[in-house]
Amino acid sequence: MRRLVVIILLAAALLSSWAAHAAMLQEGPLIVEYAAEDEDAARRAMRELREAAAEFAPRLPLGTQPVNVFIAPTVAAFNRRAPGFMPGQVSGVADPERGIITVKSPRLRGARADFLGTLRHELVHVLVARNTKDVFMPRWLNEGLAMFMAKEYQFATPMTMAMMFFENRMIAYKDLDSAFMNPGQEMEFGDAYAQALSLTRHLYKRLGPDRFWQVVLATRTMSFGDALRQHAGFDVRDFWGGYMRSLWLVVLIGAMASGSFFAPMAVLTIVAWFSVRRRQRKVLDGWEREEREESLRNLVDPKPPLMTWEEALDDDTTYIPGIDDEEEGDRY
């Protein structure tokens, strides 16, 4: 009798679960599963997914494999599909390789939560997985693309970047990828995500749309560093250096927009920082000028060596310029 009761209860639970999620919309490879009470949200979701897929198609085509979107009607249902997260940490997750997206019903989210933005964000993760190769695509760029294409610009405002800069929270390039979870499994939009979006926008502005997408899509067959060299004409070191130099203007805008006591202090700090950079640039330019002048003088009036090459080779303590001075640079 007791076993029979357990079986009946399990069957009832399964039947209830099936009934609650039996509703489905499908347009081509796009599939949205939802509970009856979320029909309106499901129709808005399908419309947003359809429009986003068409918008992204020229760069990131959807293909013919299905994209399954599940609108969780309860917190428990969402948590079952998003294991490993504390309640309230995320409102959407994706399994990009399998084309599965799970989002909380708008009924479970705050009034200011962006339900449609979450769908676009997770869809981009799926599209990136289908058009690039995970081993070649940096995580920061994957996340940056998802936020950039979902128009989640508020996560990297000038004020955000200003605070990160002045509080010394900027993450070194070599450490940036390790600051993320797997794409589609974001915890919260913290510093790493703000910096990823800022970096992505900087690269887009520097290259323009065509070369930017050439670099992104090249990661299907080559590393990001190789893609930069081949399609942009510079390497990761140059890219990172240009980004850091560009931050002074972003930070200045953020500081001025704050409207607080922080703003004038920030402006003074930026001015001082920029002044130091200019002085350092002048010193480096001076060194380069002196080296050129020295080279020209040597061409006109070459000086004899202090010792013959035979003597130099016999002397183990001989200092050889260009070899003993060589230093290994930073690697990213």
Protein backbone atom coordinates (compact mmCIF):
# COMPACT_ATOMS: atom_id res chain seq x y z
CA MET A 1 0.00 0.00 0.00
CA ARG A 2 2.76 2.41 0.92
CA ARG A 3 4.62 1.61 -2.29
CA LEU A 4 1.46 2.20 -4.29
CA VAL A 5 1.00 5.63 -2.71
CA VAL A 6 4.58 6.57 -3.58
CA ILE A 7 4.09 5.46 -7.19
CA ILE A 8 0.87 7.45 -7.47
CA LEU A 9 2.51 10.57 -6.05
CA LEU A 10 5.47 10.27 -8.43
CA ALA A 11 3.16 9.76 -11.38
CA ALA A 12 1.10 12.77 -10.35
CA ALA A 13 4.24 14.88 -10.05
CA LEU A 14 5.46 13.81 -13.49
CA LEU A 15 2.04 14.40 -15.03
CA SER A 16 1.82 17.83 -13.40
CA SER A 17 5.29 18.72 -14.62
CA TRP A 18 4.46 17.56 -18.16
CA ALA A 19 1.20 19.47 -18.19
CA ALA A 20 2.85 22.64 -16.95
CA HIS A 21 5.48 22.56 -19.73
CA ALA A 22 3.54 20.98 -22.59
CA ALA A 23 3.08 24.25 -24.48
CA MET A 24 5.57 24.96 -27.25
CA LEU A 25 6.16 27.48 -30.04
CA GLN A 26 8.39 26.72 -33.02
CA GLU A 27 9.61 28.74 -35.97
CA GLY A 28 12.26 26.94 -37.98
CA PRO A 29 15.07 25.89 -35.64
CA LEU A 30 13.79 28.18 -32.84
CA ILE A 31 11.79 26.36 -30.17
CA VAL A 32 10.28 27.92 -27.02
CA GLU A 33 8.84 25.71 -24.27
CA TYR A 34 6.71 27.35 -21.61
CA ALA A 35 4.00 26.91 -19.01
CA ALA A 36 0.46 28.03 -19.78
CA GLU A 37 0.76 31.07 -17.50
CA ASP A 38 3.78 32.27 -19.51
CA GLU A 39 2.18 32.23 -22.94
CA ASP A 40 2.53 35.99 -23.40
CA ALA A 41 6.20 35.86 -22.39
CA ALA A 42 6.77 32.95 -24.77
CA ARG A 43 5.31 34.87 -27.71
CA ARG A 44 7.47 37.90 -26.89
CA ALA A 45 10.47 35.59 -26.55
CA MET A 46 9.87 34.00 -29.96
CA ARG A 47 9.46 37.40 -31.59
CA GLU A 48 12.70 38.64 -30.00
CA LEU A 49 14.63 35.49 -30.92
CA ARG A 50 13.37 35.64 -34.51
CA GLU A 51 14.33 39.29 -34.91
CA ALA A 52 17.70 38.82 -33.19
CA ALA A 53 18.56 35.79 -35.33
CA ALA A 54 17.76 37.77 -38.48
CA GLU A 55 19.79 40.75 -37.24
CA PHE A 56 22.83 38.61 -36.40
CA ALA A 57 22.60 36.32 -39.46
CA PRO A 58 25.01 38.28 -41.72
CA ARG A 59 27.82 37.76 -39.18
CA LEU A 60 26.66 34.85 -37.02
CA PRO A 61 24.19 32.65 -38.94
CA LEU A 62 21.89 30.47 -36.89
CA GLY A 63 22.11 27.37 -39.08
CA THR A 64 19.62 24.54 -39.09
CA GLN A 65 20.31 22.93 -35.72
CA PRO A 66 17.57 23.66 -33.16
CA VAL A 67 17.85 26.26 -30.43
CA ASN A 68 15.71 25.13 -27.50
CA VAL A 69 14.59 27.89 -25.12
CA PHE A 70 12.93 26.85 -21.87
CA ILE A 71 11.05 29.49 -19.85
CA ALA A 72 11.17 28.21 -16.27
CA PRO A 73 7.79 28.85 -14.56
CA THR A 74 9.16 28.42 -11.04
CA VAL A 75 12.43 29.05 -9.23
CA ALA A 76 12.74 25.33 -8.53
CA ALA A 77 12.37 24.52 -12.22
CA PHE A 78 15.06 27.04 -13.11
CA ASN A 79 17.43 25.81 -10.41
CA ARG A 80 17.13 22.24 -11.70
CA ARG A 81 18.45 23.45 -15.07
CA ALA A 82 21.06 25.79 -13.58
CA PRO A 83 22.89 23.63 -11.04
CA GLY A 84 25.81 25.08 -9.14
CA PHE A 85 24.34 28.55 -8.68
CA MET A 86 23.01 30.11 -5.52
CA PRO A 87 19.37 31.24 -5.69
CA GLY A 88 19.07 34.64 -7.33
CA GLN A 89 22.58 34.67 -8.83
CA VAL A 90 21.51 34.35 -12.47
CA SER A 91 18.33 34.71 -14.49
CA GLY A 92 19.49 32.93 -17.65
CA VAL A 93 21.97 30.19 -18.58
CA ALA A 94 23.00 28.56 -21.84
CA ASP A 95 24.60 25.36 -23.01
CA PRO A 96 26.00 26.82 -26.26
CA GLU A 97 27.30 23.57 -27.73
CA ARG A 98 23.91 21.85 -27.35
CA GLY A 99 21.88 24.95 -28.26
CA ILE A 100 19.89 24.99 -25.01
CA ILE A 101 18.87 28.22 -23.24
CA THR A 102 17.02 28.43 -19.92
CA VAL A 103 15.59 31.70 -18.60
CA LYS A 104 13.41 32.59 -15.66
CA SER A 105 9.87 33.60 -16.37
CA PRO A 106 9.37 37.38 -16.23
CA ARG A 107 7.03 36.67 -13.31
CA LEU A 108 10.04 35.57 -11.26
CA ARG A 109 12.21 38.55 -12.10
CA GLY A 110 12.40 42.09 -10.75
CA ALA A 111 10.47 44.89 -12.38
CA ARG A 112 13.65 46.32 -13.96
CA ALA A 113 14.99 42.97 -15.17
CA ASP A 114 15.58 42.77 -18.93
CA PHE A 115 13.94 39.51 -19.98
CA LEU A 116 14.43 40.08 -23.72
CA GLY A 117 18.01 41.28 -23.22
CA THR A 118 18.80 38.04 -21.38
CA LEU A 119 17.44 36.04 -24.32
CA ARG A 120 19.59 37.96 -26.80
CA HIS A 121 22.67 37.55 -24.59
CA GLU A 122 22.27 33.77 -24.31
CA LEU A 123 21.44 33.44 -28.01
CA VAL A 124 24.72 35.15 -28.90
CA HIS A 125 26.60 32.52 -26.88
CA VAL A 126 24.94 29.82 -28.97
CA LEU A 127 25.70 31.63 -32.24
CA VAL A 128 29.33 32.22 -31.28
CA ALA A 129 29.73 28.52 -30.48
CA ARG A 130 28.34 27.63 -33.91
CA ASN A 131 30.50 30.05 -35.89
CA THR A 132 33.84 29.99 -34.04
CA LYS A 133 35.92 27.46 -32.15
CA ASP A 134 35.90 27.54 -28.35
CA VAL A 135 39.62 26.77 -28.01
CA PHE A 136 40.50 29.83 -30.13
CA MET A 137 37.88 32.29 -28.87
CA PRO A 138 38.98 34.19 -25.72
CA ARG A 139 36.38 34.09 -22.98
CA TRP A 140 36.51 37.86 -22.54
CA LEU A 141 35.62 38.31 -26.22
CA ASN A 142 32.84 35.72 -26.01
CA GLU A 143 31.28 37.57 -23.08
CA GLY A 144 32.02 40.96 -24.58
CA LEU A 145 30.23 39.98 -27.80
CA ALA A 146 27.20 38.70 -25.88
CA MET A 147 26.84 41.99 -23.99
CA PHE A 148 27.73 44.14 -27.01
CA MET A 149 25.17 42.49 -29.29
CA ALA A 150 22.53 42.39 -26.56
CA LYS A 151 23.09 46.14 -26.10
CA GLU A 152 23.89 45.73 -22.41
CA TYR A 153 26.05 48.84 -22.47
CA GLN A 154 25.14 49.83 -18.91
CA PHE A 155 27.58 47.21 -17.57
CA ALA A 156 30.61 49.19 -18.78
CA THR A 157 29.67 52.83 -18.50
CA PRO A 158 32.45 55.44 -18.33
CA MET A 159 31.68 55.80 -14.61
CA THR A 160 32.16 52.06 -14.08
CA MET A 161 35.50 52.08 -15.87
CA ALA A 162 36.55 55.23 -13.99
CA MET A 163 35.94 53.58 -10.63
CA MET A 164 37.75 50.42 -11.70
CA PHE A 165 40.72 52.46 -12.90
CA PHE A 166 41.09 54.63 -9.80
CA GLU A 167 40.52 51.74 -7.41
CA ASN A 168 43.20 49.72 -9.21
CA ARG A 169 40.73 46.99 -10.17
CA MET A 170 41.70 46.70 -13.83
CA ILE A 171 42.51 43.09 -14.69
CA ALA A 172 45.71 42.32 -16.60
CA TYR A 173 45.10 40.79 -20.01
CA LYS A 174 46.85 37.54 -19.14
CA ASP A 175 44.51 37.12 -16.13
CA LEU A 176 41.27 38.18 -17.79
CA ASP A 177 40.04 34.87 -19.20
CA SER A 178 40.47 33.09 -15.88
CA ALA A 179 38.11 35.63 -14.27
CA PHE A 180 35.14 34.15 -16.18
CA MET A 181 33.09 31.02 -15.86
CA ASN A 182 32.22 29.02 -18.96
CA PRO A 183 30.35 31.12 -21.56
CA GLY A 184 26.65 31.11 -20.83
CA GLN A 185 27.18 30.46 -17.12
CA GLU A 186 27.71 34.00 -15.87
CA MET A 187 27.56 34.63 -12.14
CA GLU A 188 27.00 38.37 -12.16
CA PHE A 189 28.14 41.29 -14.24
CA GLY A 190 31.22 42.24 -12.22
CA ASP A 191 34.54 43.85 -13.12
CA ALA A 192 35.61 41.16 -15.58
CA TYR A 193 32.40 41.56 -17.59
CA ALA A 194 32.62 45.36 -17.57
CA GLN A 195 36.20 45.17 -18.80
CA ALA A 196 35.29 42.56 -21.43
CA LEU A 197 32.58 44.79 -22.85
CA SER A 198 34.89 47.81 -22.73
CA LEU A 199 37.62 45.87 -24.57
CA THR A 200 35.18 44.59 -27.19
CA ARG A 201 33.82 48.06 -27.89
CA HIS A 202 37.38 49.42 -28.14
CA LEU A 203 38.33 46.73 -30.67
CA TYR A 204 35.15 47.40 -32.69
CA LYS A 205 35.82 51.14 -32.83
CA ARG A 206 39.48 50.64 -33.70
CA LEU A 207 38.86 48.18 -36.54
CA GLY A 208 35.44 49.12 -37.84
CA PRO A 209 32.71 46.52 -38.37
CA ASP A 210 34.19 44.64 -41.33
CA ARG A 211 37.69 44.02 -39.97
CA PHE A 212 36.28 43.44 -36.48
CA TRP A 213 34.15 40.56 -37.73
CA GLN A 214 36.98 39.22 -39.85
CA VAL A 215 39.01 38.87 -36.66
CA VAL A 216 36.13 37.31 -34.70
CA LEU A 217 35.18 34.77 -37.37
CA ALA A 218 38.82 33.87 -38.04
CA THR A 219 38.86 32.25 -34.60
CA ARG A 220 37.13 29.30 -36.22
CA THR A 221 40.50 28.22 -37.63
CA MET A 222 43.18 30.17 -35.75
CA SER A 223 43.96 31.74 -32.38
CA PHE A 224 42.77 35.24 -31.56
CA GLY A 225 46.37 36.48 -31.61
CA ASP A 226 46.93 35.09 -35.11
CA ALA A 227 43.58 36.52 -36.26
CA LEU A 228 44.62 39.97 -35.00
CA ARG A 229 47.94 39.82 -36.82
CA GLN A 230 46.41 38.58 -40.06
CA HIS A 231 43.29 40.75 -40.27
CA ALA A 232 44.07 43.77 -38.09
CA GLY A 233 47.81 44.17 -38.66
CA PHE A 234 48.83 44.27 -34.98
CA ASP A 235 49.28 41.80 -32.16
CA VAL A 236 47.72 41.32 -28.72
CA ARG A 237 50.42 43.43 -27.05
CA ASP A 238 49.65 46.39 -29.35
CA PHE A 239 45.92 45.90 -28.85
CA TRP A 240 46.21 45.90 -25.06
CA GLY A 241 48.57 48.88 -25.06
CA GLY A 242 46.19 50.87 -27.25
CA TYR A 243 43.27 50.00 -25.00
CA MET A 244 45.08 51.13 -21.86
CA ARG A 245 46.09 54.39 -23.54
CA SER A 246 42.49 54.98 -24.58
CA LEU A 247 41.21 54.65 -21.03
CA TRP A 248 42.21 58.14 -19.97
CA LEU A 249 39.39 59.65 -22.07
CA VAL A 250 36.85 57.07 -20.87
CA VAL A 251 37.85 57.70 -17.26
CA LEU A 252 37.69 61.47 -17.75
CA ILE A 253 34.13 61.22 -19.10
CA GLY A 254 33.13 58.97 -16.22
CA ALA A 255 34.67 61.27 -13.67
CA MET A 256 32.95 64.34 -15.08
CA ALA A 257 29.63 62.50 -15.26
CA SER A 258 29.74 61.51 -11.60
CA GLY A 259 28.87 65.00 -10.36
CA SER A 260 30.46 64.31 -6.98
CA PHE A 261 33.59 65.29 -5.06
CA PHE A 262 35.23 62.37 -6.82
CA ALA A 263 35.05 64.21 -10.16
CA PRO A 264 37.57 67.08 -9.61
CA MET A 265 39.99 64.70 -7.90
CA ALA A 266 39.65 62.32 -10.80
CA VAL A 267 40.29 65.06 -13.35
CA LEU A 268 43.46 66.15 -11.53
CA THR A 269 44.63 62.56 -11.35
CA ILE A 270 43.99 61.98 -15.05
CA VAL A 271 45.82 65.17 -15.97
CA ALA A 272 48.80 64.12 -13.86
CA TRP A 273 48.75 60.62 -15.31
CA PHE A 274 48.55 61.92 -18.87
CA SER A 275 51.39 64.37 -18.15
CA VAL A 276 53.59 61.54 -16.92
CA ARG A 277 52.82 59.53 -20.04
CA ARG A 278 53.80 62.50 -22.21
CA ARG A 279 57.08 62.92 -20.33
CA GLN A 280 57.84 59.25 -20.72
CA ARG A 281 57.04 59.46 -24.43
CA LYS A 282 59.42 62.41 -24.80
CA VAL A 283 62.19 60.48 -23.06
CA LEU A 284 61.69 57.51 -25.36
CA ASP A 285 61.58 59.78 -28.40
CA GLY A 286 64.81 61.38 -27.21
CA TRP A 287 66.49 58.00 -26.90
CA GLU A 288 65.38 57.05 -30.40
CA ARG A 289 66.64 60.37 -31.79
CA GLU A 290 70.02 59.94 -30.11
CA GLU A 291 70.32 56.41 -31.48
CA ARG A 292 69.56 57.63 -35.01
CA GLU A 293 72.07 60.44 -34.72
CA GLU A 294 74.70 58.05 -33.38
CA SER A 295 74.06 55.68 -36.28
CA LEU A 296 74.47 58.51 -38.79
CA ARG A 297 77.74 59.66 -37.17
CA ASN A 298 79.09 56.14 -37.32
CA LEU A 299 78.24 55.93 -41.02
CA VAL A 300 80.11 59.18 -41.73
CA ASP A 301 83.07 58.57 -39.39
CA PRO A 302 83.12 54.97 -38.23
CA LYS A 303 85.13 54.41 -35.10
CA PRO A 304 87.63 51.54 -34.90
CA PRO A 305 86.73 48.75 -32.49
CA LEU A 306 88.34 48.77 -29.09
CA MET A 307 89.63 45.24 -29.71
CA THR A 308 89.68 42.76 -32.54
CA TRP A 309 86.99 40.09 -32.85
CA GLU A 310 89.61 37.47 -32.05
CA GLU A 311 90.37 39.27 -28.78
CA ALA A 312 86.67 39.59 -28.01
CA LEU A 313 86.05 35.89 -28.54
CA ASP A 314 88.98 35.01 -26.26
CA ASP A 315 87.63 37.24 -23.46
CA ASP A 316 84.77 35.53 -21.62
CA THR A 317 83.84 38.75 -19.78
CA THR A 318 83.42 40.82 -22.93
CA TYR A 319 80.24 42.88 -23.03
CA ILE A 320 78.51 42.54 -26.40
CA PRO A 321 75.85 45.22 -27.05
CA GLY A 322 72.54 43.97 -28.37
CA ILE A 323 73.02 40.55 -26.77
CA ASP A 324 73.83 41.23 -23.12
CA ASP A 325 71.25 44.04 -23.14
CA GLU A 326 68.43 41.87 -24.49
CA GLU A 327 65.46 41.56 -22.15
CA GLU A 328 62.47 39.34 -22.41
CA GLY A 329 59.20 41.28 -22.74
CA ASP A 330 55.85 40.54 -21.14
CA ARG A 331 53.79 37.78 -22.66
CA TYR A 332 50.02 37.62 -22.82
